[in-house]
N, C-alpha and C. Protein backbone atom coordinates (compact mmCIF):
# COMPACT_ATOMS: atom_id res chain seq x y z
N UNK A 1 14.08 83.46 43.85
CA UNK A 1 15.25 84.35 44.38
C UNK A 1 16.18 83.22 44.44
N UNK A 2 17.52 83.67 43.94
CA UNK A 2 18.71 82.87 43.87
C UNK A 2 19.67 83.70 44.67
N UNK A 3 20.41 82.62 45.64
CA UNK A 3 21.35 82.87 46.31
C UNK A 3 22.69 82.80 46.13
N UNK A 4 23.36 83.76 45.88
CA UNK A 4 24.95 83.29 45.51
C UNK A 4 26.18 83.53 46.49
N UNK A 5 26.76 82.41 46.25
CA UNK A 5 27.77 82.19 47.58
C UNK A 5 28.88 83.24 46.96
N UNK A 6 29.77 84.00 48.04
CA UNK A 6 30.60 84.94 47.49
C UNK A 6 31.66 84.08 47.16
N UNK A 7 32.46 84.13 46.29
CA UNK A 7 33.49 83.61 46.20
C UNK A 7 34.88 83.41 46.55
N UNK A 8 35.16 82.27 47.16
CA UNK A 8 36.15 82.24 48.54
C UNK A 8 37.51 82.99 47.93
N UNK A 9 37.96 84.03 48.79
CA UNK A 9 38.99 84.27 48.79
C UNK A 9 40.37 83.27 48.06
N UNK A 10 41.40 83.84 47.51
CA UNK A 10 42.24 83.06 47.09
C UNK A 10 43.63 82.96 47.71
N UNK A 11 43.43 83.57 48.99
CA UNK A 11 44.33 83.68 49.94
C UNK A 11 43.60 83.82 51.43
N UNK A 12 44.66 83.10 52.52
CA UNK A 12 44.55 83.15 53.74
C UNK A 12 44.76 84.70 53.96
N UNK A 13 44.21 85.39 55.27
CA UNK A 13 44.78 86.80 55.90
C UNK A 13 44.54 86.64 57.03
N UNK A 14 45.13 87.30 57.59
CA UNK A 14 45.27 87.21 59.48
C UNK A 14 45.38 89.13 59.78
N UNK A 15 44.46 88.91 60.93
CA UNK A 15 44.48 90.37 61.27
C UNK A 15 45.78 90.74 62.30
N UNK A 16 45.76 91.57 62.78
CA UNK A 16 47.23 92.50 63.13
C UNK A 16 47.28 91.96 64.76
N UNK A 17 46.23 91.54 65.25
CA UNK A 17 46.09 91.11 66.47
C UNK A 17 46.70 89.15 66.58
N UNK A 18 46.07 88.51 65.46
CA UNK A 18 46.41 87.05 65.53
C UNK A 18 48.16 87.25 64.95
N UNK A 19 48.33 87.95 63.99
CA UNK A 19 49.59 88.21 63.66
C UNK A 19 50.77 88.57 64.48
N UNK A 20 50.31 89.18 65.26
CA UNK A 20 50.81 89.55 66.54
C UNK A 20 51.37 88.12 67.87
N UNK A 21 50.07 87.80 67.98
CA UNK A 21 50.44 86.84 68.47
C UNK A 21 51.15 85.25 67.64
N UNK A 22 50.60 85.25 67.19
CA UNK A 22 51.31 84.13 66.14
C UNK A 22 53.08 84.14 65.91
N UNK A 23 53.25 85.41 65.54
CA UNK A 23 54.72 86.29 65.42
C UNK A 23 55.76 85.71 66.98
N UNK A 24 54.89 86.20 67.62
CA UNK A 24 55.46 86.32 69.33
C UNK A 24 55.67 84.87 69.83
N UNK A 25 54.49 83.95 69.09
CA UNK A 25 54.86 82.42 69.24
C UNK A 25 55.90 81.60 68.20
N UNK A 26 56.55 82.29 67.64
CA UNK A 26 57.20 81.81 66.85
C UNK A 26 56.76 80.87 65.54
N UNK A 27 55.47 81.48 65.62
CA UNK A 27 54.43 80.46 64.11
C UNK A 27 54.85 80.96 62.73
N UNK A 28 55.24 82.38 62.74
CA UNK A 28 55.28 82.77 61.34
C UNK A 28 56.47 83.60 61.35
N UNK A 29 56.92 83.64 60.08
CA UNK A 29 57.89 84.75 59.73
C UNK A 29 57.12 85.63 59.14
N UNK A 30 57.79 86.71 58.44
CA UNK A 30 57.52 88.11 58.04
C UNK A 30 58.06 88.34 57.07
N UNK A 31 57.39 88.92 56.29
CA UNK A 31 58.38 89.29 54.91
C UNK A 31 57.27 90.72 54.55
N UNK A 32 57.91 92.01 54.34
CA UNK A 32 57.63 92.86 54.08
C UNK A 32 57.30 93.15 52.70
N UNK A 33 56.61 93.77 51.80
CA UNK A 33 57.21 93.95 50.21
C UNK A 33 56.99 95.10 50.03
N UNK A 34 56.95 95.90 51.18
CA UNK A 34 57.00 97.37 50.54
C UNK A 34 58.78 97.90 50.15
N UNK A 35 58.93 99.41 49.48
CA UNK A 35 59.74 99.76 49.16
C UNK A 35 60.66 99.66 50.40
N UNK A 36 62.11 99.83 50.02
CA UNK A 36 63.06 99.97 50.91
C UNK A 36 63.32 101.37 52.19
N UNK A 37 62.07 102.53 51.09
CA UNK A 37 62.32 103.73 52.32
C UNK A 37 60.92 103.42 52.94
N UNK A 38 60.20 102.91 52.57
CA UNK A 38 58.95 102.66 53.62
C UNK A 38 59.38 101.74 54.39
N UNK A 39 60.03 100.50 54.40
CA UNK A 39 61.07 100.33 55.58
C UNK A 39 61.71 100.76 56.23
N UNK A 40 62.40 101.55 55.90
CA UNK A 40 63.11 102.46 57.06
C UNK A 40 62.22 103.43 58.13
N UNK A 41 61.37 103.55 57.48
CA UNK A 41 60.33 104.57 57.99
C UNK A 41 59.78 103.54 59.36
N UNK A 42 59.46 102.48 59.38
CA UNK A 42 58.61 101.49 60.44
C UNK A 42 58.47 100.36 59.65
N UNK A 43 58.75 99.10 60.49
CA UNK A 43 58.78 97.88 59.84
C UNK A 43 58.52 97.28 61.32
N UNK A 44 57.84 95.76 60.76
CA UNK A 44 57.37 94.52 62.28
C UNK A 44 59.00 94.32 62.48
N UNK A 45 58.98 94.30 63.41
CA UNK A 45 60.74 94.02 64.17
C UNK A 45 60.63 92.11 63.62
N UNK A 46 61.79 91.82 62.85
CA UNK A 46 61.92 90.90 62.58
C UNK A 46 61.59 90.10 61.15
N UNK A 47 61.15 91.36 60.69
CA UNK A 47 60.54 91.23 59.02
C UNK A 47 61.91 91.13 58.19
N UNK A 48 61.26 90.36 57.16
CA UNK A 48 62.45 90.53 55.97
C UNK A 48 61.94 91.28 55.11
N UNK A 49 62.79 92.31 54.50
CA UNK A 49 62.30 93.00 53.46
C UNK A 49 62.63 92.53 52.05
N UNK A 50 61.89 92.18 51.13
CA UNK A 50 61.67 91.67 49.98
C UNK A 50 60.53 92.64 49.11
N UNK A 51 61.08 93.64 48.70
CA UNK A 51 60.40 94.65 47.73
C UNK A 51 58.84 93.70 46.69
N UNK A 52 58.12 94.23 46.52
CA UNK A 52 57.17 93.62 45.90
C UNK A 52 57.97 93.21 43.91
N UNK A 53 58.92 94.13 43.99
CA UNK A 53 59.24 93.93 42.31
C UNK A 53 60.49 92.81 42.74
N UNK A 54 60.75 92.55 43.76
CA UNK A 54 62.01 91.80 43.35
C UNK A 54 61.35 90.06 44.03
N UNK A 55 60.11 89.96 44.26
CA UNK A 55 59.86 88.61 44.77
C UNK A 55 60.38 87.42 43.96
N UNK A 56 59.68 87.66 42.60
CA UNK A 56 59.99 86.49 42.04
C UNK A 56 61.76 86.05 41.75
N UNK A 57 62.08 87.02 41.68
CA UNK A 57 63.67 86.82 41.50
C UNK A 57 64.47 86.44 43.15
N UNK A 58 63.52 86.54 44.06
CA UNK A 58 64.11 85.87 45.46
C UNK A 58 63.32 85.33 46.15
N UNK A 59 62.48 84.37 45.36
CA UNK A 59 61.84 83.24 46.00
C UNK A 59 62.14 82.56 46.80
N UNK A 60 63.75 82.17 46.73
CA UNK A 60 64.81 81.12 47.29
C UNK A 60 64.35 81.81 49.15
N UNK A 61 64.41 82.89 49.33
CA UNK A 61 64.60 83.34 50.43
C UNK A 61 63.29 83.13 51.15
N UNK A 62 62.27 83.15 50.69
CA UNK A 62 61.07 82.55 51.36
C UNK A 62 60.96 80.96 51.48
N UNK A 63 60.70 80.53 52.56
CA UNK A 63 60.74 78.87 52.73
C UNK A 63 59.42 78.47 52.77
N UNK A 64 59.31 77.69 52.05
CA UNK A 64 58.16 77.38 51.34
C UNK A 64 57.18 76.32 52.91
N UNK A 65 58.16 75.67 53.52
CA UNK A 65 58.15 75.08 54.76
C UNK A 65 57.32 75.75 56.03
N UNK A 66 57.81 77.16 55.96
CA UNK A 66 57.17 77.59 57.20
C UNK A 66 56.26 78.96 56.70
N UNK A 67 55.44 78.66 57.78
CA UNK A 67 54.45 79.92 57.50
C UNK A 67 54.88 81.31 57.58
N UNK A 68 54.08 82.04 56.63
CA UNK A 68 54.70 83.45 56.57
C UNK A 68 53.99 84.43 56.44
N UNK A 69 53.95 85.38 57.07
CA UNK A 69 52.95 86.38 56.87
C UNK A 69 53.40 87.63 55.81
N UNK A 70 52.85 87.77 54.95
CA UNK A 70 52.98 89.03 53.99
C UNK A 70 52.60 90.40 54.33
N UNK A 71 53.40 91.39 54.11
CA UNK A 71 52.69 92.53 54.27
C UNK A 71 52.96 93.81 53.70
N UNK A 72 52.07 94.98 53.75
CA UNK A 72 52.84 96.12 53.09
C UNK A 72 52.19 97.45 53.60
N UNK A 73 51.80 98.37 52.84
CA UNK A 73 51.27 99.29 53.75
C UNK A 73 49.81 99.06 54.08
N UNK A 74 48.70 98.79 53.51
CA UNK A 74 47.33 98.50 53.69
C UNK A 74 47.24 96.96 53.56
N UNK A 75 47.80 96.31 52.34
CA UNK A 75 47.17 95.29 52.15
C UNK A 75 47.17 94.61 50.88
N UNK A 76 47.14 95.44 50.06
CA UNK A 76 46.69 95.42 48.55
C UNK A 76 48.01 95.08 47.53
N UNK A 77 49.30 95.19 47.92
CA UNK A 77 50.47 94.99 47.16
C UNK A 77 50.55 93.69 47.95
N UNK A 78 50.41 93.52 49.17
CA UNK A 78 50.52 91.86 49.92
C UNK A 78 49.82 91.04 49.39
N UNK A 79 48.46 91.31 49.47
CA UNK A 79 47.57 90.56 48.50
C UNK A 79 48.32 89.82 47.31
N UNK A 80 48.69 90.90 46.23
CA UNK A 80 49.29 90.26 45.27
C UNK A 80 50.08 89.30 45.26
N UNK A 81 51.03 89.45 46.28
CA UNK A 81 52.25 89.18 46.13
C UNK A 81 52.18 87.29 47.14
N UNK A 82 50.82 87.37 47.84
CA UNK A 82 50.18 86.11 48.55
C UNK A 82 49.77 85.23 47.17
N UNK A 83 49.31 86.02 46.25
CA UNK A 83 48.58 85.18 45.12
C UNK A 83 49.59 84.86 43.99
N UNK A 84 50.70 85.21 43.93
CA UNK A 84 51.95 84.69 43.49
C UNK A 84 52.83 83.94 43.97
N UNK A 85 52.97 83.71 45.22
CA UNK A 85 53.35 82.75 45.82
C UNK A 85 52.73 81.49 45.97
N UNK A 86 51.52 81.90 46.09
CA UNK A 86 50.54 80.45 45.97
C UNK A 86 50.55 79.78 44.52
N UNK A 87 50.36 80.67 43.23
CA UNK A 87 50.90 80.16 42.07
C UNK A 87 52.22 79.52 41.90
N UNK A 88 53.26 79.90 42.64
CA UNK A 88 54.18 79.41 42.57
C UNK A 88 54.75 78.27 43.55
N UNK A 89 53.54 78.10 44.09
CA UNK A 89 53.29 76.19 44.83
C UNK A 89 53.74 76.52 46.70
N UNK A 90 53.78 78.00 47.06
CA UNK A 90 53.53 78.10 48.26
C UNK A 90 52.14 78.13 48.98
N UNK A 91 52.03 77.15 49.92
CA UNK A 91 50.86 77.11 50.36
C UNK A 91 50.55 77.58 51.87
N UNK A 92 51.68 78.01 52.49
CA UNK A 92 51.97 78.67 53.92
C UNK A 92 51.86 80.20 54.15
N UNK A 93 51.34 80.59 53.05
CA UNK A 93 51.31 82.20 52.96
C UNK A 93 49.89 82.73 53.27
N UNK A 94 50.38 83.90 54.30
CA UNK A 94 48.93 84.44 54.75
C UNK A 94 49.15 86.15 54.57
N UNK A 95 48.26 87.10 53.90
CA UNK A 95 47.88 88.62 54.12
C UNK A 95 47.79 88.95 55.23
N UNK A 96 48.42 89.89 55.64
CA UNK A 96 48.42 91.03 56.95
C UNK A 96 47.38 91.79 56.48
N UNK A 97 45.87 91.65 56.97
CA UNK A 97 45.11 92.40 56.48
C UNK A 97 45.08 93.91 57.08
N UNK A 98 45.00 94.60 56.06
CA UNK A 98 44.93 96.37 56.52
C UNK A 98 46.83 96.51 56.68
N UNK A 99 47.86 95.53 56.55
CA UNK A 99 48.96 96.11 56.63
C UNK A 99 49.71 96.64 57.67
N UNK A 100 50.76 97.14 57.66
CA UNK A 100 51.56 98.06 58.76
C UNK A 100 50.48 99.52 59.28
N UNK A 101 49.77 99.70 58.47
CA UNK A 101 48.88 100.62 58.98
C UNK A 101 47.80 99.96 60.58
N UNK A 102 47.31 99.10 59.81
CA UNK A 102 46.81 97.84 60.93
C UNK A 102 47.43 97.85 62.00
N UNK A 103 48.65 97.09 61.83
CA UNK A 103 49.83 96.91 62.74
C UNK A 103 49.90 98.05 63.98
N UNK A 104 50.44 99.17 63.19
CA UNK A 104 50.64 100.19 63.84
C UNK A 104 49.33 100.86 64.65
N UNK A 105 47.98 100.84 64.12
CA UNK A 105 46.66 101.20 65.07
C UNK A 105 46.28 100.65 65.78
N UNK A 106 46.92 99.52 65.96
CA UNK A 106 46.62 98.48 67.00
C UNK A 106 47.67 98.29 68.03
N UNK A 107 48.81 99.46 68.04
CA UNK A 107 49.63 100.09 68.80
C UNK A 107 51.04 98.39 68.98
N UNK A 108 50.97 97.55 67.93
CA UNK A 108 52.41 96.90 67.84
C UNK A 108 53.65 97.68 67.63
N UNK A 109 54.67 96.69 68.02
CA UNK A 109 55.99 98.08 68.14
C UNK A 109 56.25 97.67 66.31
N UNK A 110 56.89 98.57 66.70
CA UNK A 110 57.69 98.49 65.01
C UNK A 110 59.31 99.31 65.64
N UNK A 111 59.89 99.18 64.20
CA UNK A 111 61.35 99.34 64.70
C UNK A 111 61.23 100.27 63.49
């Protein structure tokens, strides 16, 4: 029998718990890639809104040298953005597993 190793994920990811700790410690910047109306409903404090459709045209707003966590509602859109950023040479970007839903379920603060 041959065993196949699962392919490595193309991006790093963080749990809500690890994200909360690293944001509180000042280790991570937060980028929200949802739509403005979603951001207005609730967002992680201190996060920057760059809707997924605007990421390519606003790359200069994301510092290549500062680690950043990217999030959306549940993690799908942000995973695509993390892959896009990595293709553009960003190596310090991570996906928030479960997005803001996981963040809110863990009862971390939102604005």
